[in-house]
Amino acid sequence: FWREHIGLVVAGIGFLVFIAILIPLLLIFVTPSNGDGLTSDSTQDPNQHNSSSIRANKLVQKLETEVLCRGATFQEIDLDDPRRLALDWITNDDKMSLDLDAKNLNQRYILALLAFTLNSWAWRDQESIYANLENSAWLSNEDECSWYNVTCMGGTVTSLQLNNFSLMGGLPPEISRLPFLAGIQLKGN
């Protein structure tokens, strides 16, 4: 039997190998991604996609070099990790779209990371909480120095008063990358 049908068997095995190689390649090329796990919108202008991908890649490199602690890279960090959530926010949702050389880019990322790390849904993205206050909600499109209970001097974060916010979780080590942060108040959490 085998001698008579060896050609069919070889063809069948070849077809299976072809399919095994083709499917992963299709998944890679059909799902547009900029390499850091952030999927892009394929309906955008290709030139806009290229420039936003380049910006996102440079942003990833900058934050990995200047902010992430312990040699971490975004590629090895889970998608639901607060560091990735903060990256996704600053890349896709932050309407300020700071230039890569903006002096407050790192501190804005770190404050976003703090918001995601401390499970802070109770005090961010809820404009109603801040309706009668002079300051903006955390993760708003305003300058981070205007966010509720963030104190800055000359555009640089110097203290955070996060008392009684029902925060949960630990402080991320990246908070040490805020060089002029002199104090954090966390009473009642």
N, C-alpha and C. Protein backbone atom coordinates (compact mmCIF):
# COMPACT_ATOMS: atom_id res chain seq x y z
N PHE A 1 0.83 -1.20 0.00
CA PHE A 1 0.00 0.00 0.00
C PHE A 1 0.86 1.26 0.00
N TRP A 2 1.87 1.30 0.90
CA TRP A 2 2.70 2.50 1.03
C TRP A 2 3.48 2.79 -0.24
N ARG A 3 3.97 1.75 -0.87
CA ARG A 3 4.75 1.95 -2.10
C ARG A 3 3.87 2.51 -3.22
N GLU A 4 2.65 2.08 -3.25
CA GLU A 4 1.76 2.53 -4.30
C GLU A 4 1.28 3.97 -4.07
N HIS A 5 1.17 4.39 -2.80
CA HIS A 5 0.59 5.70 -2.48
C HIS A 5 1.58 6.65 -1.80
N ILE A 6 2.86 6.40 -1.93
CA ILE A 6 3.86 7.23 -1.27
C ILE A 6 3.77 8.69 -1.72
N GLY A 7 3.45 8.91 -2.97
CA GLY A 7 3.31 10.28 -3.48
C GLY A 7 2.19 11.03 -2.79
N LEU A 8 1.06 10.37 -2.56
CA LEU A 8 -0.06 11.00 -1.87
C LEU A 8 0.27 11.29 -0.41
N VAL A 9 0.98 10.37 0.25
CA VAL A 9 1.35 10.56 1.65
C VAL A 9 2.29 11.75 1.78
N VAL A 10 3.29 11.84 0.91
CA VAL A 10 4.24 12.95 0.95
C VAL A 10 3.51 14.27 0.65
N ALA A 11 2.62 14.25 -0.30
CA ALA A 11 1.85 15.45 -0.63
C ALA A 11 0.99 15.87 0.56
N GLY A 12 0.37 14.92 1.23
CA GLY A 12 -0.46 15.22 2.40
C GLY A 12 0.35 15.83 3.53
N ILE A 13 1.52 15.26 3.79
CA ILE A 13 2.40 15.79 4.85
C ILE A 13 2.87 17.19 4.47
N GLY A 14 3.23 17.38 3.22
CA GLY A 14 3.66 18.70 2.74
C GLY A 14 2.56 19.73 2.90
N PHE A 15 1.33 19.35 2.60
CA PHE A 15 0.19 20.25 2.75
C PHE A 15 -0.01 20.65 4.21
N LEU A 16 0.09 19.68 5.12
CA LEU A 16 -0.07 19.97 6.55
C LEU A 16 1.03 20.92 7.05
N VAL A 17 2.26 20.73 6.61
CA VAL A 17 3.36 21.62 7.00
C VAL A 17 3.10 23.02 6.45
N PHE A 18 2.65 23.11 5.21
CA PHE A 18 2.33 24.39 4.60
C PHE A 18 1.27 25.14 5.41
N ILE A 19 0.21 24.44 5.80
CA ILE A 19 -0.86 25.05 6.60
C ILE A 19 -0.33 25.47 7.97
N ALA A 20 0.50 24.64 8.58
CA ALA A 20 1.05 24.96 9.90
C ALA A 20 1.91 26.23 9.86
N ILE A 21 2.53 26.50 8.75
CA ILE A 21 3.35 27.71 8.60
C ILE A 21 2.48 28.90 8.18
N LEU A 22 1.50 28.66 7.33
CA LEU A 22 0.68 29.73 6.78
C LEU A 22 -0.21 30.40 7.83
N ILE A 23 -0.83 29.63 8.70
CA ILE A 23 -1.77 30.19 9.69
C ILE A 23 -1.10 31.21 10.61
N PRO A 24 0.04 30.88 11.24
CA PRO A 24 0.67 31.91 12.08
C PRO A 24 1.09 33.16 11.30
N LEU A 25 1.55 32.98 10.06
CA LEU A 25 1.92 34.13 9.26
C LEU A 25 0.72 35.02 8.96
N LEU A 26 -0.41 34.40 8.65
CA LEU A 26 -1.63 35.17 8.42
C LEU A 26 -2.04 35.94 9.67
N LEU A 27 -1.94 35.31 10.81
CA LEU A 27 -2.31 35.98 12.06
C LEU A 27 -1.41 37.19 12.33
N ILE A 28 -0.15 37.06 11.99
CA ILE A 28 0.78 38.17 12.21
C ILE A 28 0.49 39.32 11.26
N PHE A 29 0.28 39.01 9.98
CA PHE A 29 0.13 40.07 8.98
C PHE A 29 -1.29 40.60 8.85
N VAL A 30 -2.29 39.85 9.26
CA VAL A 30 -3.66 40.32 9.14
C VAL A 30 -4.03 41.23 10.30
N THR A 31 -3.48 40.99 11.50
CA THR A 31 -3.76 41.81 12.67
C THR A 31 -2.69 42.89 12.77
N PRO A 32 -3.02 44.15 12.39
CA PRO A 32 -2.01 45.19 12.45
C PRO A 32 -1.63 45.48 13.90
N SER A 33 -0.35 45.53 14.15
CA SER A 33 0.16 45.82 15.48
C SER A 33 1.46 46.56 15.31
N ASN A 34 1.77 47.43 16.27
CA ASN A 34 3.00 48.19 16.17
C ASN A 34 4.15 47.54 16.91
N GLY A 35 4.00 46.27 17.29
CA GLY A 35 5.10 45.53 17.89
C GLY A 35 5.12 45.54 19.39
N ASP A 36 4.32 46.37 20.04
CA ASP A 36 4.35 46.40 21.49
C ASP A 36 3.04 45.93 22.09
N GLY A 37 2.22 45.26 21.28
CA GLY A 37 0.96 44.73 21.78
C GLY A 37 -0.19 45.70 21.64
N LEU A 38 0.06 46.89 21.15
CA LEU A 38 -0.99 47.88 20.99
C LEU A 38 -1.49 47.80 19.56
N THR A 39 -2.69 47.28 19.35
CA THR A 39 -3.23 47.09 18.02
C THR A 39 -3.69 48.42 17.46
N SER A 40 -3.39 48.63 16.19
CA SER A 40 -3.76 49.90 15.57
C SER A 40 -5.04 49.74 14.76
N ASP A 41 -5.65 50.86 14.45
CA ASP A 41 -6.88 50.88 13.67
C ASP A 41 -6.53 50.88 12.19
N SER A 42 -6.95 49.84 11.47
CA SER A 42 -6.57 49.69 10.07
C SER A 42 -7.34 50.64 9.16
N THR A 43 -8.33 51.37 9.67
CA THR A 43 -9.09 52.29 8.84
C THR A 43 -8.42 53.65 8.75
N GLN A 44 -7.33 53.85 9.48
CA GLN A 44 -6.65 55.13 9.47
C GLN A 44 -5.86 55.30 8.18
N ASP A 45 -5.53 56.54 7.88
CA ASP A 45 -4.64 56.86 6.79
C ASP A 45 -3.30 56.17 7.04
N PRO A 46 -2.74 55.46 6.04
CA PRO A 46 -1.48 54.73 6.25
C PRO A 46 -0.35 55.63 6.72
N ASN A 47 -0.29 56.87 6.26
CA ASN A 47 0.77 57.76 6.71
C ASN A 47 0.61 58.11 8.18
N GLN A 48 -0.65 58.29 8.61
CA GLN A 48 -0.91 58.56 10.02
C GLN A 48 -0.53 57.34 10.86
N HIS A 49 -0.86 56.15 10.35
CA HIS A 49 -0.52 54.91 11.06
C HIS A 49 0.99 54.80 11.23
N ASN A 50 1.74 55.08 10.16
CA ASN A 50 3.19 54.97 10.25
C ASN A 50 3.76 55.95 11.26
N SER A 51 3.29 57.20 11.25
CA SER A 51 3.83 58.17 12.19
C SER A 51 3.41 57.86 13.62
N SER A 52 2.18 57.37 13.81
CA SER A 52 1.76 57.03 15.17
C SER A 52 2.49 55.77 15.66
N SER A 53 2.77 54.84 14.77
CA SER A 53 3.54 53.64 15.15
C SER A 53 4.96 54.01 15.53
N ILE A 54 5.54 54.90 14.75
CA ILE A 54 6.91 55.34 15.06
C ILE A 54 6.93 56.05 16.40
N ARG A 55 5.93 56.93 16.65
CA ARG A 55 5.86 57.62 17.94
C ARG A 55 5.69 56.63 19.08
N ALA A 56 4.78 55.65 18.90
CA ALA A 56 4.53 54.67 19.95
C ALA A 56 5.79 53.87 20.24
N ASN A 57 6.52 53.46 19.21
CA ASN A 57 7.75 52.69 19.42
C ASN A 57 8.80 53.53 20.14
N LYS A 58 8.92 54.80 19.76
CA LYS A 58 9.89 55.67 20.44
C LYS A 58 9.47 55.92 21.88
N LEU A 59 8.16 56.06 22.12
CA LEU A 59 7.66 56.24 23.47
C LEU A 59 7.97 55.03 24.33
N VAL A 60 7.76 53.85 23.79
CA VAL A 60 8.07 52.61 24.51
C VAL A 60 9.55 52.59 24.88
N GLN A 61 10.41 52.89 23.92
CA GLN A 61 11.86 52.89 24.19
C GLN A 61 12.22 53.91 25.27
N LYS A 62 11.63 55.09 25.17
CA LYS A 62 11.93 56.15 26.15
C LYS A 62 11.51 55.73 27.55
N LEU A 63 10.28 55.21 27.70
CA LEU A 63 9.79 54.83 29.02
C LEU A 63 10.55 53.62 29.57
N GLU A 64 10.91 52.68 28.72
CA GLU A 64 11.69 51.53 29.18
C GLU A 64 13.05 51.98 29.70
N THR A 65 13.64 52.94 29.02
CA THR A 65 14.97 53.42 29.39
C THR A 65 14.95 54.32 30.62
N GLU A 66 13.97 55.22 30.66
CA GLU A 66 13.99 56.28 31.67
C GLU A 66 13.08 56.05 32.87
N VAL A 67 12.08 55.17 32.74
CA VAL A 67 11.08 55.07 33.81
C VAL A 67 10.98 53.67 34.41
N LEU A 68 10.81 52.66 33.59
CA LEU A 68 10.59 51.31 34.13
C LEU A 68 11.77 50.89 35.00
N CYS A 69 11.48 50.22 36.08
CA CYS A 69 12.50 49.79 37.02
C CYS A 69 12.88 48.33 36.80
N ARG A 70 14.02 48.01 37.29
CA ARG A 70 14.52 46.61 37.29
C ARG A 70 14.68 46.03 35.89
N GLY A 71 15.00 46.86 34.92
CA GLY A 71 15.26 46.39 33.56
C GLY A 71 14.05 45.82 32.85
N ALA A 72 12.86 46.16 33.28
CA ALA A 72 11.64 45.63 32.66
C ALA A 72 11.46 46.20 31.27
N THR A 73 10.80 45.42 30.42
CA THR A 73 10.42 45.88 29.09
C THR A 73 8.92 45.65 28.92
N PHE A 74 8.29 46.47 28.11
CA PHE A 74 6.85 46.33 27.90
C PHE A 74 6.51 45.02 27.20
N GLN A 75 7.44 44.51 26.42
CA GLN A 75 7.20 43.27 25.70
C GLN A 75 6.99 42.09 26.65
N GLU A 76 7.64 42.13 27.79
CA GLU A 76 7.53 41.02 28.75
C GLU A 76 6.45 41.25 29.82
N ILE A 77 5.80 42.40 29.78
CA ILE A 77 4.79 42.75 30.78
C ILE A 77 3.41 42.35 30.26
N ASP A 78 2.61 41.72 31.12
CA ASP A 78 1.24 41.32 30.75
C ASP A 78 0.41 42.53 30.34
N LEU A 79 -0.56 42.29 29.47
CA LEU A 79 -1.41 43.37 28.97
C LEU A 79 -2.26 44.01 30.05
N ASP A 80 -2.59 43.27 31.13
CA ASP A 80 -3.41 43.83 32.20
C ASP A 80 -2.57 44.39 33.35
N ASP A 81 -1.27 44.42 33.19
CA ASP A 81 -0.37 45.00 34.18
C ASP A 81 -0.56 46.52 34.17
N PRO A 82 -0.58 47.18 35.34
CA PRO A 82 -0.76 48.62 35.38
C PRO A 82 0.24 49.40 34.52
N ARG A 83 1.46 48.88 34.38
CA ARG A 83 2.44 49.56 33.53
C ARG A 83 2.01 49.57 32.07
N ARG A 84 1.41 48.47 31.61
CA ARG A 84 0.90 48.41 30.24
C ARG A 84 -0.37 49.25 30.11
N LEU A 85 -1.23 49.24 31.13
CA LEU A 85 -2.44 50.04 31.08
C LEU A 85 -2.10 51.53 30.99
N ALA A 86 -1.10 51.95 31.75
CA ALA A 86 -0.67 53.36 31.70
C ALA A 86 -0.06 53.68 30.34
N LEU A 87 0.70 52.75 29.77
CA LEU A 87 1.27 52.95 28.43
C LEU A 87 0.15 53.07 27.40
N ASP A 88 -0.83 52.18 27.49
CA ASP A 88 -1.96 52.22 26.56
C ASP A 88 -2.70 53.55 26.68
N TRP A 89 -2.91 54.02 27.91
CA TRP A 89 -3.61 55.29 28.11
C TRP A 89 -2.81 56.45 27.50
N ILE A 90 -1.53 56.52 27.81
CA ILE A 90 -0.76 57.68 27.34
C ILE A 90 -0.53 57.62 25.83
N THR A 91 -0.57 56.42 25.25
CA THR A 91 -0.39 56.26 23.81
C THR A 91 -1.68 56.51 23.04
N ASN A 92 -2.80 55.98 23.54
CA ASN A 92 -4.04 55.98 22.77
C ASN A 92 -5.13 56.93 23.27
N ASP A 93 -5.20 57.16 24.58
CA ASP A 93 -6.34 57.90 25.14
C ASP A 93 -6.00 59.30 25.64
N ASP A 94 -4.76 59.56 25.94
CA ASP A 94 -4.36 60.86 26.46
C ASP A 94 -4.40 61.89 25.34
N LYS A 95 -5.34 62.82 25.43
CA LYS A 95 -5.52 63.82 24.39
C LYS A 95 -4.41 64.87 24.37
N MET A 96 -3.58 64.92 25.40
CA MET A 96 -2.48 65.87 25.40
C MET A 96 -1.42 65.47 24.37
N SER A 97 -1.27 64.18 24.12
CA SER A 97 -0.30 63.68 23.12
C SER A 97 1.01 64.45 23.20
N LEU A 98 1.64 64.39 24.35
CA LEU A 98 2.87 65.14 24.58
C LEU A 98 3.96 64.71 23.60
N ASP A 99 4.82 65.66 23.23
CA ASP A 99 5.99 65.35 22.43
C ASP A 99 6.90 64.44 23.25
N LEU A 100 7.67 63.63 22.55
CA LEU A 100 8.56 62.70 23.24
C LEU A 100 9.62 63.42 24.08
N ASP A 101 9.93 64.66 23.73
CA ASP A 101 10.92 65.39 24.50
C ASP A 101 10.30 66.35 25.53
N ALA A 102 8.99 66.24 25.73
CA ALA A 102 8.33 67.08 26.75
C ALA A 102 8.87 66.71 28.13
N LYS A 103 9.19 67.73 28.91
CA LYS A 103 9.81 67.46 30.21
C LYS A 103 8.87 66.75 31.19
N ASN A 104 7.55 66.84 30.95
CA ASN A 104 6.61 66.21 31.87
C ASN A 104 6.06 64.87 31.37
N LEU A 105 6.56 64.36 30.26
CA LEU A 105 6.06 63.09 29.73
C LEU A 105 6.25 61.94 30.73
N ASN A 106 7.43 61.82 31.29
CA ASN A 106 7.69 60.73 32.24
C ASN A 106 6.82 60.85 33.48
N GLN A 107 6.69 62.06 34.04
CA GLN A 107 5.89 62.21 35.25
C GLN A 107 4.42 61.96 34.96
N ARG A 108 3.95 62.31 33.77
CA ARG A 108 2.55 62.05 33.40
C ARG A 108 2.32 60.54 33.32
N TYR A 109 3.26 59.82 32.72
CA TYR A 109 3.15 58.36 32.66
C TYR A 109 3.16 57.77 34.07
N ILE A 110 4.05 58.24 34.93
CA ILE A 110 4.17 57.70 36.29
C ILE A 110 2.89 57.95 37.09
N LEU A 111 2.28 59.12 36.95
CA LEU A 111 1.03 59.39 37.65
C LEU A 111 -0.10 58.51 37.10
N ALA A 112 -0.12 58.29 35.80
CA ALA A 112 -1.10 57.36 35.22
C ALA A 112 -0.87 55.96 35.76
N LEU A 113 0.39 55.56 35.84
CA LEU A 113 0.74 54.25 36.42
C LEU A 113 0.25 54.15 37.86
N LEU A 114 0.43 55.21 38.62
CA LEU A 114 -0.04 55.23 40.00
C LEU A 114 -1.56 55.05 40.06
N ALA A 115 -2.28 55.72 39.17
CA ALA A 115 -3.74 55.61 39.13
C ALA A 115 -4.17 54.18 38.83
N PHE A 116 -3.52 53.53 37.87
CA PHE A 116 -3.89 52.15 37.52
C PHE A 116 -3.42 51.17 38.60
N THR A 117 -2.28 51.41 39.21
CA THR A 117 -1.74 50.49 40.22
C THR A 117 -2.58 50.47 41.48
N LEU A 118 -3.06 51.63 41.90
CA LEU A 118 -3.78 51.72 43.16
C LEU A 118 -5.26 51.43 43.03
N ASN A 119 -5.64 50.78 41.93
CA ASN A 119 -7.03 50.39 41.74
C ASN A 119 -7.95 51.56 42.06
N SER A 120 -7.69 52.66 41.38
CA SER A 120 -8.26 53.93 41.79
C SER A 120 -9.49 54.36 41.01
N TRP A 121 -10.30 53.42 40.58
CA TRP A 121 -11.51 53.80 39.85
C TRP A 121 -12.39 54.74 40.67
N ALA A 122 -12.27 54.69 41.98
CA ALA A 122 -13.10 55.54 42.84
C ALA A 122 -12.75 57.02 42.70
N TRP A 123 -11.54 57.34 42.23
CA TRP A 123 -11.15 58.75 42.22
C TRP A 123 -10.59 59.24 40.90
N ARG A 124 -10.66 58.44 39.85
CA ARG A 124 -10.24 58.94 38.54
C ARG A 124 -11.37 58.72 37.54
N ASP A 125 -11.36 59.48 36.49
CA ASP A 125 -12.37 59.40 35.43
C ASP A 125 -13.78 59.70 35.93
N GLN A 126 -13.92 60.38 37.04
CA GLN A 126 -15.25 60.71 37.53
C GLN A 126 -15.31 62.21 37.76
N GLU A 127 -15.61 62.93 36.70
CA GLU A 127 -15.62 64.39 36.76
C GLU A 127 -16.59 64.91 37.82
N SER A 128 -17.66 64.16 38.12
CA SER A 128 -18.63 64.64 39.09
C SER A 128 -18.02 64.84 40.47
N ILE A 129 -17.04 64.01 40.82
CA ILE A 129 -16.36 64.16 42.11
C ILE A 129 -15.68 65.52 42.19
N TYR A 130 -15.21 66.00 41.05
CA TYR A 130 -14.41 67.21 41.01
C TYR A 130 -15.20 68.44 40.58
N ALA A 131 -16.50 68.32 40.45
CA ALA A 131 -17.33 69.39 39.90
C ALA A 131 -17.19 70.71 40.66
N ASN A 132 -17.07 70.67 41.97
CA ASN A 132 -17.01 71.89 42.77
C ASN A 132 -15.59 72.23 43.20
N LEU A 133 -14.62 71.57 42.60
CA LEU A 133 -13.24 71.79 42.98
C LEU A 133 -12.50 72.50 41.85
N GLU A 134 -11.39 73.12 42.19
CA GLU A 134 -10.60 73.82 41.19
C GLU A 134 -9.79 72.85 40.34
N ASN A 135 -9.53 71.65 40.83
CA ASN A 135 -8.65 70.72 40.15
C ASN A 135 -9.42 69.75 39.25
N SER A 136 -8.70 69.12 38.33
CA SER A 136 -9.27 68.18 37.37
C SER A 136 -9.15 66.75 37.88
N ALA A 137 -9.93 65.87 37.26
CA ALA A 137 -9.84 64.44 37.57
C ALA A 137 -8.50 63.90 37.09
N TRP A 138 -8.04 62.87 37.77
CA TRP A 138 -6.85 62.17 37.31
C TRP A 138 -7.15 61.54 35.96
N LEU A 139 -6.16 61.43 35.13
CA LEU A 139 -6.25 60.90 33.77
C LEU A 139 -7.18 61.74 32.89
N SER A 140 -7.34 63.00 33.27
CA SER A 140 -8.09 63.91 32.40
C SER A 140 -7.15 64.42 31.33
N ASN A 141 -7.68 65.20 30.43
CA ASN A 141 -6.87 65.75 29.36
C ASN A 141 -6.16 67.04 29.77
N GLU A 142 -6.28 67.39 31.04
CA GLU A 142 -5.61 68.57 31.57
C GLU A 142 -4.18 68.22 31.98
N ASP A 143 -3.39 69.24 32.16
CA ASP A 143 -2.02 69.05 32.65
C ASP A 143 -2.08 68.31 33.98
N GLU A 144 -1.19 67.36 34.17
CA GLU A 144 -1.22 66.54 35.39
C GLU A 144 -1.01 67.36 36.66
N CYS A 145 -0.41 68.51 36.55
CA CYS A 145 -0.25 69.36 37.73
C CYS A 145 -1.57 69.95 38.19
N SER A 146 -2.60 69.87 37.35
CA SER A 146 -3.93 70.36 37.75
C SER A 146 -4.81 69.21 38.24
N TRP A 147 -4.30 67.98 38.24
CA TRP A 147 -5.09 66.85 38.73
C TRP A 147 -5.30 66.98 40.24
N TYR A 148 -6.41 66.46 40.69
CA TYR A 148 -6.81 66.58 42.09
C TYR A 148 -5.72 66.10 43.04
N ASN A 149 -5.33 66.98 43.96
CA ASN A 149 -4.37 66.73 45.03
C ASN A 149 -2.96 66.40 44.54
N VAL A 150 -2.62 66.86 43.35
CA VAL A 150 -1.24 66.80 42.86
C VAL A 150 -0.67 68.20 43.01
N THR A 151 0.46 68.32 43.69
CA THR A 151 1.10 69.61 43.87
C THR A 151 2.37 69.65 43.04
N CYS A 152 2.52 70.72 42.29
CA CYS A 152 3.70 70.89 41.45
C CYS A 152 4.35 72.23 41.74
N MET A 153 5.62 72.29 41.42
CA MET A 153 6.35 73.55 41.48
C MET A 153 7.10 73.66 40.16
N GLY A 154 6.79 74.68 39.40
CA GLY A 154 7.43 74.86 38.11
C GLY A 154 7.14 73.72 37.14
N GLY A 155 5.95 73.13 37.23
CA GLY A 155 5.58 72.06 36.32
C GLY A 155 6.10 70.69 36.71
N THR A 156 6.70 70.59 37.90
CA THR A 156 7.27 69.32 38.37
C THR A 156 6.54 68.87 39.63
N VAL A 157 6.13 67.61 39.67
CA VAL A 157 5.39 67.07 40.82
C VAL A 157 6.28 67.09 42.05
N THR A 158 5.75 67.69 43.14
CA THR A 158 6.49 67.74 44.40
C THR A 158 5.78 67.00 45.53
N SER A 159 4.44 66.85 45.46
CA SER A 159 3.75 66.09 46.50
C SER A 159 2.40 65.59 46.00
N LEU A 160 1.93 64.54 46.65
CA LEU A 160 0.63 63.94 46.35
C LEU A 160 -0.12 63.77 47.66
N GLN A 161 -1.36 64.24 47.73
CA GLN A 161 -2.19 64.08 48.92
C GLN A 161 -3.36 63.17 48.52
N LEU A 162 -3.23 61.90 48.80
CA LEU A 162 -4.23 60.91 48.38
C LEU A 162 -4.93 60.28 49.58
N ASN A 163 -5.23 61.10 50.56
CA ASN A 163 -5.89 60.63 51.77
C ASN A 163 -7.34 60.26 51.50
N ASN A 164 -7.80 59.19 52.15
CA ASN A 164 -9.22 58.79 52.13
C ASN A 164 -9.78 58.58 50.72
N PHE A 165 -9.00 57.98 49.84
CA PHE A 165 -9.45 57.71 48.48
C PHE A 165 -9.83 56.24 48.30
N SER A 166 -9.82 55.43 49.36
CA SER A 166 -10.10 54.00 49.28
C SER A 166 -9.19 53.31 48.27
N LEU A 167 -7.93 53.68 48.27
CA LEU A 167 -6.97 53.09 47.34
C LEU A 167 -6.55 51.71 47.83
N MET A 168 -6.26 50.84 46.87
CA MET A 168 -5.80 49.49 47.20
C MET A 168 -4.58 49.19 46.36
N GLY A 169 -3.61 48.51 46.97
CA GLY A 169 -2.41 48.13 46.24
C GLY A 169 -1.20 48.85 46.79
N GLY A 170 -0.05 48.51 46.26
CA GLY A 170 1.20 49.13 46.70
C GLY A 170 1.67 50.17 45.71
N LEU A 171 2.58 51.00 46.16
CA LEU A 171 3.15 52.01 45.28
C LEU A 171 4.08 51.34 44.28
N PRO A 172 4.00 51.69 43.03
CA PRO A 172 4.91 51.10 42.05
C PRO A 172 6.32 51.65 42.25
N PRO A 173 7.33 50.84 42.01
CA PRO A 173 8.71 51.33 42.21
C PRO A 173 9.05 52.50 41.29
N GLU A 174 8.35 52.63 40.19
CA GLU A 174 8.62 53.71 39.25
C GLU A 174 8.34 55.09 39.84
N ILE A 175 7.62 55.13 40.96
CA ILE A 175 7.36 56.43 41.59
C ILE A 175 8.68 57.06 42.04
N SER A 176 9.70 56.25 42.23
CA SER A 176 11.02 56.78 42.59
C SER A 176 11.63 57.59 41.45
N ARG A 177 11.06 57.51 40.26
CA ARG A 177 11.56 58.26 39.10
C ARG A 177 11.00 59.69 39.06
N LEU A 178 10.21 60.06 40.07
CA LEU A 178 9.78 61.46 40.21
C LEU A 178 10.81 62.13 41.11
N PRO A 179 11.80 62.78 40.54
CA PRO A 179 12.97 63.21 41.31
C PRO A 179 12.70 64.27 42.37
N PHE A 180 11.63 65.04 42.23
CA PHE A 180 11.38 66.11 43.19
C PHE A 180 10.16 65.83 44.07
N LEU A 181 9.68 64.58 44.04
CA LEU A 181 8.56 64.21 44.90
C LEU A 181 9.05 64.17 46.34
N ALA A 182 8.56 65.11 47.15
CA ALA A 182 9.02 65.23 48.53
C ALA A 182 8.09 64.53 49.51
N GLY A 183 6.85 64.24 49.11
CA GLY A 183 5.94 63.60 50.05
C GLY A 183 4.71 63.03 49.39
N ILE A 184 4.23 61.95 50.00
CA ILE A 184 2.98 61.32 49.57
C ILE A 184 2.16 61.09 50.83
N GLN A 185 0.94 61.59 50.86
CA GLN A 185 0.05 61.34 51.98
C GLN A 185 -0.97 60.29 51.56
N LEU A 186 -1.08 59.23 52.36
CA LEU A 186 -1.97 58.13 52.01
C LEU A 186 -2.85 57.71 53.19
N LYS A 187 -3.13 58.60 54.12
CA LYS A 187 -3.94 58.26 55.28
C LYS A 187 -5.34 57.83 54.87
N GLY A 188 -5.88 56.88 55.59
CA GLY A 188 -7.27 56.46 55.39
C GLY A 188 -7.52 55.58 54.17
N ASN A 189 -6.50 54.95 53.66
CA ASN A 189 -6.66 54.06 52.51
C ASN A 189 -6.50 52.61 52.93
